[in-house]
PDB file of N, CA and C in Angstrom:
ATOM      1  N   MET A   1      12.729   7.746 -12.208  1.00  0.00           N
ATOM      2  CA  MET A   1      12.442   7.165 -13.440  1.00  0.00           C
ATOM      3  C   MET A   1      12.654   6.873 -14.577  1.00  0.00           C
ATOM      4  N   ARG A   2      13.530   7.578 -14.970  1.00  0.00           N
ATOM      5  CA  ARG A   2      14.794   7.673 -15.936  1.00  0.00           C
ATOM      6  C   ARG A   2      15.692   6.597 -15.540  1.00  0.00           C
ATOM      7  N   SER A   3      16.242   6.413 -14.703  1.00  0.00           N
ATOM      8  CA  SER A   3      17.478   4.753 -14.493  1.00  0.00           C
ATOM      9  C   SER A   3      16.491   3.846 -15.098  1.00  0.00           C
ATOM     10  N   LEU A   4      15.313   3.767 -14.142  1.00  0.00           N
ATOM     11  CA  LEU A   4      14.607   2.409 -13.883  1.00  0.00           C
ATOM     12  C   LEU A   4      14.024   2.302 -16.003  1.00  0.00           C
ATOM     13  N   ARG A   5      13.722   3.617 -17.159  1.00  0.00           N
ATOM     14  CA  ARG A   5      13.217   3.087 -18.299  1.00  0.00           C
ATOM     15  C   ARG A   5      14.861   2.921 -18.355  1.00  0.00           C
ATOM     16  N   ASN A   6      15.807   3.663 -18.897  1.00  0.00           N
ATOM     17  CA  ASN A   6      17.112   2.761 -19.892  1.00  0.00           C
ATOM     18  C   ASN A   6      17.624   1.765 -19.451  1.00  0.00           C
ATOM     19  N   LYS A   7      17.114   1.288 -18.025  1.00  0.00           N
ATOM     20  CA  LYS A   7      17.675  -0.236 -17.725  1.00  0.00           C
ATOM     21  C   LYS A   7      17.166  -0.539 -18.521  1.00  0.00           C
ATOM     22  N   SER A   8      15.522  -0.189 -18.605  1.00  0.00           N
ATOM     23  CA  SER A   8      14.715  -1.564 -19.202  1.00  0.00           C
ATOM     24  C   SER A   8      14.636  -1.300 -21.029  1.00  0.00           C
ATOM     25  N   GLY A   9      15.166  -0.478 -21.525  1.00  0.00           N
ATOM     26  CA  GLY A   9      15.280   0.285 -22.759  1.00  0.00           C
ATOM     27  C   GLY A   9      13.609   0.864 -23.036  1.00  0.00           C
ATOM     28  N   VAL A  10      12.944   1.686 -22.027  1.00  0.00           N
ATOM     29  CA  VAL A  10      12.326   2.398 -22.428  1.00  0.00           C
ATOM     30  C   VAL A  10      11.613   3.803 -22.338  1.00  0.00           C
ATOM     31  N   SER A  11      12.184   3.911 -23.665  1.00  0.00           N
ATOM     32  CA  SER A  11      12.185   6.101 -23.926  1.00  0.00           C
ATOM     33  C   SER A  11      10.543   6.354 -23.704  1.00  0.00           C
ATOM     34  N   ARG A  12      10.952   7.903 -23.353  1.00  0.00           N
ATOM     35  CA  ARG A  12       9.485   8.222 -23.258  1.00  0.00           C
ATOM     36  C   ARG A  12       8.846   8.395 -24.234  1.00  0.00           C
ATOM     37  N   LYS A  13       9.485   8.711 -25.603  1.00  0.00           N
ATOM     38  CA  LYS A  13       8.265   8.505 -27.232  1.00  0.00           C
ATOM     39  C   LYS A  13       7.627   6.970 -26.996  1.00  0.00           C
ATOM     40  N   TYR A  14       8.138   6.039 -26.195  1.00  0.00           N
ATOM     41  CA  TYR A  14       7.167   4.874 -26.729  1.00  0.00           C
ATOM     42  C   TYR A  14       5.922   5.072 -25.997  1.00  0.00           C
ATOM     43  N   ARG A  15       5.395   6.361 -25.112  1.00  0.00           N
ATOM     44  CA  ARG A  15       4.458   6.643 -24.015  1.00  0.00           C
ATOM     45  C   ARG A  15       4.462   5.727 -22.977  1.00  0.00           C
ATOM     46  N   CYS A  16       5.246   4.937 -22.674  1.00  0.00           N
ATOM     47  CA  CYS A  16       4.822   3.843 -22.070  1.00  0.00           C
ATOM     48  C   CYS A  16       4.881   4.837 -20.383  1.00  0.00           C
ATOM     49  N   ARG A  17       3.961   3.724 -19.318  1.00  0.00           N
ATOM     50  CA  ARG A  17       3.135   4.313 -18.608  1.00  0.00           C
ATOM     51  C   ARG A  17       4.466   3.862 -17.086  1.00  0.00           C
ATOM     52  N   ASN A  18       4.409   4.431 -16.402  1.00  0.00           N
ATOM     53  CA  ASN A  18       5.318   4.479 -15.342  1.00  0.00           C
ATOM     54  C   ASN A  18       5.533   3.303 -14.439  1.00  0.00           C
ATOM     55  N   SER A  19       4.325   2.814 -14.250  1.00  0.00           N
ATOM     56  CA  SER A  19       3.745   1.606 -12.938  1.00  0.00           C
ATOM     57  C   SER A  19       4.082   0.406 -14.279  1.00  0.00           C
ATOM     58  N   ASP A  20       3.833   0.332 -14.886  1.00  0.00           N
ATOM     59  CA  ASP A  20       4.553  -0.021 -16.359  1.00  0.00           C
ATOM     60  C   ASP A  20       5.770  -0.595 -16.589  1.00  0.00           C
ATOM     61  N   VAL A  21       6.997   0.551 -16.450  1.00  0.00           N
ATOM     62  CA  VAL A  21       8.319  -0.129 -17.033  1.00  0.00           C
ATOM     63  C   VAL A  21       8.752  -0.494 -15.132  1.00  0.00           C
ATOM     64  N   ARG A  22       7.846   0.068 -14.217  1.00  0.00           N
ATOM     65  CA  ARG A  22       8.653  -0.173 -12.575  1.00  0.00           C
ATOM     66  C   ARG A  22       7.567  -2.207 -13.103  1.00  0.00           C
ATOM     67  N   GLU A  23       6.689  -2.027 -13.451  1.00  0.00           N
ATOM     68  CA  GLU A  23       6.085  -3.612 -13.218  1.00  0.00           C
ATOM     69  C   GLU A  23       7.388  -4.417 -14.534  1.00  0.00           C
ATOM     70  N   ARG A  24       7.495  -4.150 -14.880  1.00  0.00           N
ATOM     71  CA  ARG A  24       8.762  -4.899 -16.339  1.00  0.00           C
ATOM     72  C   ARG A  24       9.554  -5.091 -15.459  1.00  0.00           C
ATOM     73  N   CYS A  25      10.207  -4.257 -14.655  1.00  0.00           N
ATOM     74  CA  CYS A  25      11.519  -4.044 -13.320  1.00  0.00           C
ATOM     75  C   CYS A  25      12.262  -4.536 -12.437  1.00  0.00           C
ATOM     76  N   GLY A  26      10.217  -5.479 -12.179  1.00  0.00           N
ATOM     77  CA  GLY A  26      10.306  -6.013 -11.319  1.00  0.00           C
ATOM     78  C   GLY A  26      10.004  -5.354 -10.038  1.00  0.00           C
ATOM     79  N   LEU A  27       9.782  -4.285  -9.718  1.00  0.00           N
ATOM     80  CA  LEU A  27       9.543  -3.094  -8.706  1.00  0.00           C
ATOM     81  C   LEU A  27       8.661  -3.144  -8.154  1.00  0.00           C
ATOM     82  N   LYS A  28       7.357  -3.406  -6.405  1.00  0.00           N
ATOM     83  CA  LYS A  28       6.943  -3.307  -6.929  1.00  0.00           C
ATOM     84  C   LYS A  28       5.675  -1.830  -5.777  1.00  0.00           C
ATOM     85  N   GLU A  29       6.975  -1.149  -5.915  1.00  0.00           N
ATOM     86  CA  GLU A  29       7.106  -0.243  -4.464  1.00  0.00           C
ATOM     87  C   GLU A  29       7.010   0.772  -5.936  1.00  0.00           C
ATOM     88  N   TYR A  30       6.868   2.058  -4.920  1.00  0.00           N
ATOM     89  CA  TYR A  30       7.359   3.232  -5.601  1.00  0.00           C
ATOM     90  C   TYR A  30       8.870   3.666  -5.536  1.00  0.00           C
ATOM     91  N   VAL A  31       9.721   4.375  -5.973  1.00  0.00           N
ATOM     92  CA  VAL A  31      10.804   4.773  -5.761  1.00  0.00           C
ATOM     93  C   VAL A  31      11.024   5.401  -4.423  1.00  0.00           C
ATOM     94  N   VAL A  32      10.698   6.403  -4.496  1.00  0.00           N
ATOM     95  CA  VAL A  32      10.430   7.297  -3.126  1.00  0.00           C
ATOM     96  C   VAL A  32       9.919   6.632  -2.146  1.00  0.00           C
ATOM     97  N   THR A  33       9.192   5.660  -1.948  1.00  0.00           N
ATOM     98  CA  THR A  33       9.049   4.811  -0.828  1.00  0.00           C
ATOM     99  C   THR A  33      10.560   4.061   0.339  1.00  0.00           C
ATOM    100  N   LYS A  34      10.318   3.619  -1.290  1.00  0.00           N
ATOM    101  CA  LYS A  34      11.791   2.853  -1.136  1.00  0.00           C
ATOM    102  C   LYS A  34      12.581   3.956  -0.447  1.00  0.00           C
ATOM    103  N   LEU A  35      13.244   5.306  -0.412  1.00  0.00           N
ATOM    104  CA  LEU A  35      14.048   6.562  -0.438  1.00  0.00           C
ATOM    105  C   LEU A  35      14.009   6.584   1.328  1.00  0.00           C
ATOM    106  N   GLU A  36      12.255   6.533   1.639  1.00  0.00           N
ATOM    107  CA  GLU A  36      11.520   6.847   2.654  1.00  0.00           C
ATOM    108  C   GLU A  36      11.808   6.210   3.996  1.00  0.00           C
ATOM    109  N   ARG A  37      11.864   5.004   3.159  1.00  0.00           N
ATOM    110  CA  ARG A  37      12.255   3.593   3.950  1.00  0.00           C
ATOM    111  C   ARG A  37      13.251   3.697   4.667  1.00  0.00           C
ATOM    112  N   GLY A  38      14.533   3.629   3.912  1.00  0.00           N
ATOM    113  CA  GLY A  38      15.455   3.901   4.100  1.00  0.00           C
ATOM    114  C   GLY A  38      15.991   5.476   4.494  1.00  0.00           C
ATOM    115  N   MET A  39      15.434   6.231   4.597  1.00  0.00           N
ATOM    116  CA  MET A  39      15.661   7.298   5.846  1.00  0.00           C
ATOM    117  C   MET A  39      14.630   7.376   6.818  1.00  0.00           C
ATOM    118  N   LEU A  40      14.020   6.493   6.925  1.00  0.00           N
ATOM    119  CA  LEU A  40      13.712   6.046   8.406  1.00  0.00           C
ATOM    120  C   LEU A  40      14.177   4.854   8.878  1.00  0.00           C
ATOM    121  N   ARG A  41      15.156   4.124   8.436  1.00  0.00           N
ATOM    122  CA  ARG A  41      15.770   3.099   8.387  1.00  0.00           C
ATOM    123  C   ARG A  41      17.155   3.867   9.007  1.00  0.00           C
ATOM    124  N   TRP A  42      17.802   5.168   8.930  1.00  0.00           N
ATOM    125  CA  TRP A  42      18.575   5.540   9.020  1.00  0.00           C
ATOM    126  C   TRP A  42      18.367   6.388   9.918  1.00  0.00           C
ATOM    127  N   PHE A  43      17.618   7.353  10.303  1.00  0.00           N
ATOM    128  CA  PHE A  43      17.227   7.594  11.415  1.00  0.00           C
ATOM    129  C   PHE A  43      17.060   7.408  12.825  1.00  0.00           C
ATOM    130  N   ASP A  44      16.643   5.288  12.310  1.00  0.00           N
ATOM    131  CA  ASP A  44      16.845   4.953  13.785  1.00  0.00           C
ATOM    132  C   ASP A  44      17.258   4.704  14.019  1.00  0.00           C
ATOM    133  N   ARG A  45      18.581   4.574  13.663  1.00  0.00           N
ATOM    134  CA  ARG A  45      20.158   3.995  13.494  1.00  0.00           C
ATOM    135  C   ARG A  45      20.585   5.351  14.987  1.00  0.00           C
ATOM    136  N   LEU A  46      20.041   6.388  13.860  1.00  0.00           N
ATOM    137  CA  LEU A  46      21.025   7.267  14.228  1.00  0.00           C
ATOM    138  C   LEU A  46      20.099   7.906  15.418  1.00  0.00           C
ATOM    139  N   THR A  47      18.916   7.241  16.555  1.00  0.00           N
ATOM    140  CA  THR A  47      18.650   7.583  16.926  1.00  0.00           C
ATOM    141  C   THR A  47      19.067   7.024  17.963  1.00  0.00           C
ATOM    142  N   ARG A  48      19.597   6.098  17.743  1.00  0.00           N
ATOM    143  CA  ARG A  48      20.088   4.499  19.054  1.00  0.00           C
ATOM    144  C   ARG A  48      21.313   4.595  18.921  1.00  0.00           C
ATOM    145  N   MET A  49      21.859   5.976  18.616  1.00  0.00           N
ATOM    146  CA  MET A  49      23.911   6.001  18.888  1.00  0.00           C
ATOM    147  C   MET A  49      24.040   6.436  20.320  1.00  0.00           C
ATOM    148  N   ASP A  50      25.412   6.331  20.356  1.00  0.00           N
ATOM    149  CA  ASP A  50      25.293   7.360  21.544  1.00  0.00           C
ATOM    150  C   ASP A  50      26.025   8.505  20.982  1.00  0.00           C
ATOM    151  N   GLU A  51      25.839   9.041  22.416  1.00  0.00           N
ATOM    152  CA  GLU A  51      25.700  11.078  21.815  1.00  0.00           C
ATOM    153  C   GLU A  51      27.192  11.018  21.568  1.00  0.00           C
ATOM    154  N   SER A  52      28.554  10.408  22.034  1.00  0.00           N
ATOM    155  CA  SER A  52      29.573  10.433  21.788  1.00  0.00           C
ATOM    156  C   SER A  52      29.999  10.392  20.408  1.00  0.00           C
ATOM    157  N   ARG A  53      29.122   9.996  19.995  1.00  0.00           N
ATOM    158  CA  ARG A  53      29.742   9.724  18.162  1.00  0.00           C
ATOM    159  C   ARG A  53      29.538  10.931  17.612  1.00  0.00           C
ATOM    160  N   LEU A  54      30.542  11.019  17.090  1.00  0.00           N
ATOM    161  CA  LEU A  54      30.228  12.430  15.540  1.00  0.00           C
ATOM    162  C   LEU A  54      29.128  12.470  14.441  1.00  0.00           C
ATOM    163  N   THR A  55      28.238  12.012  14.467  1.00  0.00           N
ATOM    164  CA  THR A  55      27.892  11.193  13.881  1.00  0.00           C
ATOM    165  C   THR A  55      26.519  11.801  14.437  1.00  0.00           C
ATOM    166  N   LYS A  56      26.068  11.539  15.149  1.00  0.00           N
ATOM    167  CA  LYS A  56      25.676  11.890  16.126  1.00  0.00           C
ATOM    168  C   LYS A  56      25.202  13.537  16.506  1.00  0.00           C
ATOM    169  N   GLN A  57      26.231  14.006  16.836  1.00  0.00           N
ATOM    170  CA  GLN A  57      27.069  15.656  16.976  1.00  0.00           C
ATOM    171  C   GLN A  57      26.188  16.125  16.041  1.00  0.00           C
ATOM    172  N   ILE A  58      26.547  16.242  14.626  1.00  0.00           N
ATOM    173  CA  ILE A  58      26.731  16.805  13.694  1.00  0.00           C
ATOM    174  C   ILE A  58      24.924  16.794  13.427  1.00  0.00           C
ATOM    175  N   TYR A  59      24.470  15.445  13.431  1.00  0.00           N
ATOM    176  CA  TYR A  59      22.876  15.611  13.009  1.00  0.00           C
ATOM    177  C   TYR A  59      22.464  16.535  14.653  1.00  0.00           C
ATOM    178  N   GLY A  60      22.844  16.786  15.536  1.00  0.00           N
ATOM    179  CA  GLY A  60      21.927  17.408  16.589  1.00  0.00           C
ATOM    180  C   GLY A  60      22.449  19.290  15.857  1.00  0.00           C
ATOM    181  N   GLU A  61      23.176  19.177  15.505  1.00  0.00           N
ATOM    182  CA  GLU A  61      23.669  21.267  15.560  1.00  0.00           C
ATOM    183  C   GLU A  61      22.870  20.971  13.958  1.00  0.00           C
ATOM    184  N   ASN A  62      22.785  22.363  14.410  1.00  0.00           N
ATOM    185  CA  ASN A  62      22.035  23.383  12.913  1.00  0.00           C
ATOM    186  C   ASN A  62      23.135  24.528  11.923  1.00  0.00           C
ATOM    187  N   VAL A  63      23.707  24.029  11.153  1.00  0.00           N
ATOM    188  CA  VAL A  63      24.412  23.906  10.665  1.00  0.00           C
ATOM    189  C   VAL A  63      24.051  24.924   9.524  1.00  0.00           C
ATOM    190  N   ARG A  64      25.365  26.336   9.996  1.00  0.00           N
ATOM    191  CA  ARG A  64      24.967  27.249   9.145  1.00  0.00           C
ATOM    192  C   ARG A  64      26.075  28.432   8.857  1.00  0.00           C
ATOM    193  N   ASP A  65      26.273  28.844   7.770  1.00  0.00           N
ATOM    194  CA  ASP A  65      26.940  29.836   6.962  1.00  0.00           C
ATOM    195  C   ASP A  65      26.888  31.483   7.422  1.00  0.00           C
ATOM    196  N   GLY A  66      25.725  31.589   7.925  1.00  0.00           N
ATOM    197  CA  GLY A  66      26.073  32.656   8.412  1.00  0.00           C
ATOM    198  C   GLY A  66      24.703  33.517   7.682  1.00  0.00           C
ATOM    199  N   LYS A  67      25.132  33.514   5.877  1.00  0.00           N
ATOM    200  CA  LYS A  67      24.468  33.946   4.852  1.00  0.00           C
ATOM    201  C   LYS A  67      22.600  33.852   5.016  1.00  0.00           C
ATOM    202  N   VAL A  68      22.159  34.208   4.825  1.00  0.00           N
ATOM    203  CA  VAL A  68      20.882  34.506   4.366  1.00  0.00           C
ATOM    204  C   VAL A  68      20.322  34.220   2.844  1.00  0.00           C
ATOM    205  N   GLY A  69      19.822  33.577   2.578  1.00  0.00           N
ATOM    206  CA  GLY A  69      19.434  33.188   1.385  1.00  0.00           C
ATOM    207  C   GLY A  69      17.830  33.917   0.789  1.00  0.00           C
ATOM    208  N   LYS A  70      18.165  33.592  -0.045  1.00  0.00           N
ATOM    209  CA  LYS A  70      16.090  34.916  -0.684  1.00  0.00           C
ATOM    210  C   LYS A  70      15.327  33.510  -0.440  1.00  0.00           C
ATOM    211  N   GLY A  71      13.618  33.854  -0.200  1.00  0.00           N
ATOM    212  CA  GLY A  71      13.054  32.245  -0.900  1.00  0.00           C
ATOM    213  C   GLY A  71      13.269  31.985   0.530  1.00  0.00           C
ATOM    214  N   ARG A  72      12.200  30.793   0.092  1.00  0.00           N
ATOM    215  CA  ARG A  72      11.898  29.770   1.291  1.00  0.00           C
ATOM    216  C   ARG A  72      12.986  29.066   1.402  1.00  0.00           C
ATOM    217  N   PRO A  73      13.299  29.109   2.375  1.00  0.00           N
ATOM    218  CA  PRO A  73      14.190  28.298   3.323  1.00  0.00           C
ATOM    219  C   PRO A  73      14.377  26.558   3.075  1.00  0.00           C
ATOM    220  N   ARG A  74      15.269  26.335   2.690  1.00  0.00           N
ATOM    221  CA  ARG A  74      15.884  24.667   2.135  1.00  0.00           C
ATOM    222  C   ARG A  74      15.507  23.894   3.792  1.00  0.00           C
ATOM    223  N   LYS A  75      15.370  22.908   3.636  1.00  0.00           N
ATOM    224  CA  LYS A  75      14.498  21.867   4.196  1.00  0.00           C
ATOM    225  C   LYS A  75      16.017  20.996   4.853  1.00  0.00           C
ATOM    226  N   SER A  76      15.625  20.721   6.321  1.00  0.00           N
ATOM    227  CA  SER A  76      16.956  19.775   6.777  1.00  0.00           C
ATOM    228  C   SER A  76      16.545  18.620   7.009  1.00  0.00           C
ATOM    229  N   TYR A  77      17.347  17.932   7.199  1.00  0.00           N
ATOM    230  CA  TYR A  77      16.603  16.041   7.233  1.00  0.00           C
ATOM    231  C   TYR A  77      15.907  16.031   7.933  1.00  0.00           C
ATOM    232  N   ALA A  78      15.565  16.873   8.939  1.00  0.00           N
ATOM    233  CA  ALA A  78      14.935  16.329  10.383  1.00  0.00           C
ATOM    234  C   ALA A  78      13.798  16.928  10.276  1.00  0.00           C
ATOM    235  N   ASP A  79      13.859  17.673   9.302  1.00  0.00           N
ATOM    236  CA  ASP A  79      12.045  18.592   8.554  1.00  0.00           C
ATOM    237  C   ASP A  79      11.321  17.006   7.782  1.00  0.00           C
ATOM    238  N   HIS A  80      12.248  16.570   6.782  1.00  0.00           N
ATOM    239  CA  HIS A  80      12.318  15.443   5.719  1.00  0.00           C
ATOM    240  C   HIS A  80      11.690  14.479   6.795  1.00  0.00           C
ATOM    241  N   ILE A  81      12.394  13.888   8.086  1.00  0.00           N
ATOM    242  CA  ILE A  81      12.023  12.629   8.866  1.00  0.00           C
ATOM    243  C   ILE A  81      10.590  13.351   9.590  1.00  0.00           C
ATOM    244  N   GLY A  82       9.984  14.509   9.988  1.00  0.00           N
ATOM    245  CA  GLY A  82       9.026  14.942  10.554  1.00  0.00           C
ATOM    246  C   GLY A  82       7.965  15.212   9.462  1.00  0.00           C
ATOM    247  N   GLY A  83       8.176  15.099   8.251  1.00  0.00           N
ATOM    248  CA  GLY A  83       7.315  14.945   7.131  1.00  0.00           C
ATOM    249  C   GLY A  83       7.144  13.644   6.719  1.00  0.00           C
ATOM    250  N   ILE A  84       7.796  12.664   6.945  1.00  0.00           N
ATOM    251  CA  ILE A  84       7.642  11.803   6.685  1.00  0.00           C
ATOM    252  C   ILE A  84       6.586  11.142   7.873  1.00  0.00           C
ATOM    253  N   LEU A  85       7.204  10.796   8.617  1.00  0.00           N
ATOM    254  CA  LEU A  85       6.260  10.106  10.065  1.00  0.00           C
ATOM    255  C   LEU A  85       5.251  10.800   9.869  1.00  0.00           C
ATOM    256  N   LYS A  86       5.487  12.060   9.783  1.00  0.00           N
ATOM    257  CA  LYS A  86       3.545  12.712  10.252  1.00  0.00           C
ATOM    258  C   LYS A  86       2.498  12.399   8.916  1.00  0.00           C
ATOM    259  N   LYS A  87       3.640  12.257   7.070  1.00  0.00           N
ATOM    260  CA  LYS A  87       2.838  11.562   6.407  1.00  0.00           C
ATOM    261  C   LYS A  87       2.277  10.143   6.577  1.00  0.00           C
ATOM    262  N   GLY A  88       3.081   8.875   7.549  1.00  0.00           N
ATOM    263  CA  GLY A  88       3.006   7.958   8.276  1.00  0.00           C
ATOM    264  C   GLY A  88       2.823   7.237   6.733  1.00  0.00           C
ATOM    265  N   PRO A  89       3.429   5.602   8.093  1.00  0.00           N
ATOM    266  CA  PRO A  89       4.626   4.657   6.982  1.00  0.00           C
ATOM    267  C   PRO A  89       3.250   4.287   5.916  1.00  0.00           C
ATOM    268  N   ASN A  90       3.843   4.168   4.576  1.00  0.00           N
ATOM    269  CA  ASN A  90       2.847   3.227   3.587  1.00  0.00           C
ATOM    270  C   ASN A  90       3.540   2.201   2.682  1.00  0.00           C
ATOM    271  N   PHE A  91       4.491   1.191   3.382  1.00  0.00           N
ATOM    272  CA  PHE A  91       5.074   0.144   3.487  1.00  0.00           C
ATOM    273  C   PHE A  91       4.343  -1.025   3.448  1.00  0.00           C
ATOM    274  N   LYS A  92       4.504  -1.740   2.358  1.00  0.00           N
ATOM    275  CA  LYS A  92       3.334  -3.076   2.422  1.00  0.00           C
ATOM    276  C   LYS A  92       4.269  -3.592   2.831  1.00  0.00           C
ATOM    277  N   HIS A  93       5.587  -4.110   1.881  1.00  0.00           N
ATOM    278  CA  HIS A  93       6.521  -5.339   2.328  1.00  0.00           C
ATOM    279  C   HIS A  93       7.451  -5.889   3.082  1.00  0.00           C
ATOM    280  N   PRO A  94       7.025  -5.822   4.091  1.00  0.00           N
ATOM    281  CA  PRO A  94       7.947  -5.965   5.547  1.00  0.00           C
ATOM    282  C   PRO A  94       9.603  -5.830   5.652  1.00  0.00           C
ATOM    283  N   LYS A  95       9.075  -7.061   4.552  1.00  0.00           N
ATOM    284  CA  LYS A  95      10.743  -7.491   4.346  1.00  0.00           C
ATOM    285  C   LYS A  95      11.687  -6.374   3.235  1.00  0.00           C
ATOM    286  N   PRO A  96      12.732  -5.141   3.722  1.00  0.00           N
ATOM    287  CA  PRO A  96      13.501  -4.213   2.167  1.00  0.00           C
ATOM    288  C   PRO A  96      13.914  -5.233   1.412  1.00  0.00           C
ATOM    289  N   ARG A  97      13.609  -4.557  -0.074  1.00  0.00           N
ATOM    290  CA  ARG A  97      14.937  -5.756  -0.710  1.00  0.00           C
ATOM    291  C   ARG A  97      15.917  -4.427  -1.355  1.00  0.00           C
ATOM    292  N   SER A  98      17.235  -4.057  -1.854  1.00  0.00           N
ATOM    293  CA  SER A  98      18.133  -3.971  -2.105  1.00  0.00           C
ATOM    294  C   SER A  98      17.766  -3.555  -3.547  1.00  0.00           C
ATOM    295  N   LEU A  99      17.412  -2.261  -3.784  1.00  0.00           N
ATOM    296  CA  LEU A  99      16.917  -1.164  -5.096  1.00  0.00           C
ATOM    297  C   LEU A  99      18.328  -2.074  -6.485  1.00  0.00           C
ATOM    298  N   HIS A 100      19.147  -2.032  -6.005  1.00  0.00           N
ATOM    299  CA  HIS A 100      20.171  -2.313  -7.132  1.00  0.00           C
ATOM    300  C   HIS A 100      19.894  -3.297  -7.228  1.00  0.00           C
ATOM    301  N   GLU A 101      19.828  -4.823  -6.550  1.00  0.00           N
ATOM    302  CA  GLU A 101      19.347  -5.997  -7.579  1.00  0.00           C
ATOM    303  C   GLU A 101      17.953  -5.849  -7.846  1.00  0.00           C
ATOM    304  N   LYS A 102      17.463  -5.431  -7.773  1.00  0.00           N
ATOM    305  CA  LYS A 102      15.963  -5.578  -8.676  1.00  0.00           C
ATOM    306  C   LYS A 102      16.114  -4.531 -10.298  1.00  0.00           C
ATOM    307  N   ILE A 103      17.122  -3.464  -9.701  1.00  0.00           N
ATOM    308  CA  ILE A 103      17.294  -2.887 -10.940  1.00  0.00           C
ATOM    309  C   ILE A 103      17.695  -3.866 -11.574  1.00  0.00           C
ATOM    310  N   ASP A 104      18.923  -4.212 -11.411  1.00  0.00           N
ATOM    311  CA  ASP A 104      19.675  -5.748 -12.156  1.00  0.00           C
ATOM    312  C   ASP A 104      19.611  -6.599 -12.736  1.00  0.00           C
ATOM    313  N   GLY A 105      17.997  -6.679 -11.867  1.00  0.00           N
ATOM    314  CA  GLY A 105      16.982  -8.329 -12.549  1.00  0.00           C
ATOM    315  C   GLY A 105      16.185  -7.386 -13.861  1.00  0.00           C
ATOM    316  N   CYS A 106      16.621  -5.824 -14.018  1.00  0.00           N
ATOM    317  CA  CYS A 106      15.406  -5.457 -15.492  1.00  0.00           C
ATOM    318  C   CYS A 106      16.159  -5.483 -16.059  1.00  0.00           C
ATOM    319  N   GLN A 107      15.200  -5.947 -17.737  1.00  0.00           N
ATOM    320  CA  GLN A 107      16.199  -6.319 -18.784  1.00  0.00           C
ATOM    321  C   GLN A 107      16.114  -5.677 -19.703  1.00  0.00           C
TER     322      GLN A 107
END
């Protein structure tokens, strides 16, 4: 939201709602939804890749450096995708648009 506020020239001191800033920039959906859509698109491409591709092999491996850190373990990319799929897609617009095109159109 900070980047959208900077693009639109609205600072936090004006106490303008995030939904108003998104509307002013022409975004119809949340940025998180766009990111999730992109992650699912990449995951779809990844599942269709040939097994010999390096990208697919790296995704399949569980790369650790041997150290066990304190606290909660970090989420892997597969965990993020699983969470998105479990939550279910919440995409209203079937034809995705580039986020940069929408932000550049913001004044």
